[in-house]
Amino acid sequence: MAEKELHIVSMGVESFDDALAGASHIHLDWRPPAAGDTDLVDALFRIEALCRDEAGNSLVDAANAEAFSRIKAGQPVLKRVRPAHEVIEGMTKTTINHAGPPIRWEDMCGPMRGAYIGALKYEGLAKTDEEAEALMASGKITYGPNHYNRCVGPMTGMISYSMPLLEVENEAFGNKAYCTLNEGIGKVMRFGANGPEVINRLRWLETVLAPALDKALLACGGVNLKNIMAMSLAMGDEMHQRNIAASLNFFKNIGGDLTEVISGTPEARAIVEFLIKKNDQFFLNLAMAACKSVLDTARDIPYSTVVTAMSRNGVEFGINVSGLGNQWFTAPCLKPQALYFPGYSEKDANPDMGDSAIVECYGIGGFAMGSAPAVVRFVGAGGLADAIRYTENMGKITVGQNLDLPMPNLDFAGIHAGIDIRKVVATGILPVINTGVAHKEPGVGQVGAGVVNPPMDIMTAALRAFADKYCPR
């Protein structure tokens, strides 16, 4: 019998492919859905088969299309800078909110505890660290997640009574969201520092910068942040770890009105230098508030499996899912895969923290690394090809592309928006998040930057809860 050429198809792990080098073969990057977990496969099957209308159309796909439509339609506009107590209902001097899902004082990580100590000093409620710690332990301080109050904050995310907040209105839907002003670099409260220089800078933001920005915004009628994000993507920013272009584009929009406001004042030079010379990350907080204002409109859509928030408190990582309302799904935070500053290493790092992953829910940050080559080396994520691969993979776990925010070096593909927990669990691909790294001890500050993923456990727990709610056995 004549010999026939052997044609081979391999599936699964790449080592199968490597063993066939030299032979005629095709490798399929295939793996069983949900890593073969039969309980999760059952949940995915029930959602697919049972969540349908009378005509047989998927209720989940329709709900996710609605969520994506709202995300795409969002028009976040920075309108004001206002004190926290003016915009957060029921806030008192003893109310201090934090990043991430709920957590008790006694369970907080070092940087979060340090930030609370600093916030109490800033508000004049304590003079020493010991007084602040005793006050927190007394139960006299009210605290909880920023997300409960239409707010977000980077890293520790402290929001206290006197802090000025950026007010962003989503003009497409009329809702508002808030974030603190970015403190700049060095020892800052968002990384757990609480010394005199930290408190003095916060007071300068409150008494000098915030009033000037508010007057300029009132004069110009607001700044459309979506336009700035689109422009800055084309200039190499991803708006989480790289905000150089976005910060300068913001100043370009507000510079003329701000100049008129501060002209002749003794702080004029300090304000301008802080915005355009000393704070490349200024736009991060604007992006966070913008994305929060947009993602909030995608909440509470029955049958939607879209993630509306990802957030970390330095101990637990939590997510919200549209069709499951404000319910948190949590698991221990992971440490980022990071590039550390000289003198520091992974042993110094605190697990991931901050509300800033709201930007990845929108489709920027780690999701847009392929459009921000300069950020790749800063976060230790490999080379440009790796960044592009990260971005392309995010397209496998999202609802669609938002062509309003194109990525030029990816042939103008839109950012991938609307994380779908079904796709995350089925593929095993987790959202990628760009993040800063805080030292595990309070007061030290940032020690690096990197990329991190949410724990898969929170995605699987959310999927099970969704299946039990909408298509029980």
Foldseek 3Di string as FASTA:
>chain_A
DDDDADEEEAEDDCVVVVVQPPHHYHYDDDAFFLNPPPVLVVLLVLQQQPCADPVRHRPQLVLLVVLVVLLLLWWKWFFAKAFPQVQFPPADQQEKEWWAFFDAQVPFFFLLLLLQLQSCVLSVNDVDSVSSVVCSVVPSHHYGHLLVRLEFEFQGQIHGGQFIWTWIARVVVGDIHIYGFDLFDDFESSLFARDPVRSVSRVCCRPPQRVLVRQLSNVLVTGGLLVLLLVVLQVQALLAPFQQSSLVVVCVSRVVSSCVSCPPPPCSVVNVCVSRPGHRNRCSRVLLRSLSNSLVVSAQRASYQFWSFWFFNLFKIWTDGRNRGPDIQIDGAAAFPWDWDPPDDPVQWGGDGTRSCSNVQSQGALLSQLSRQVCCVQAVQDGNVSSVVLNVVLLQQASAFNLSRFRVVVVRTGGGHTGGLSRCSGVVDFRKHKGFTHGSHGNRGTTTIHIGGHDNSSSSVVSVVSSCVSRND
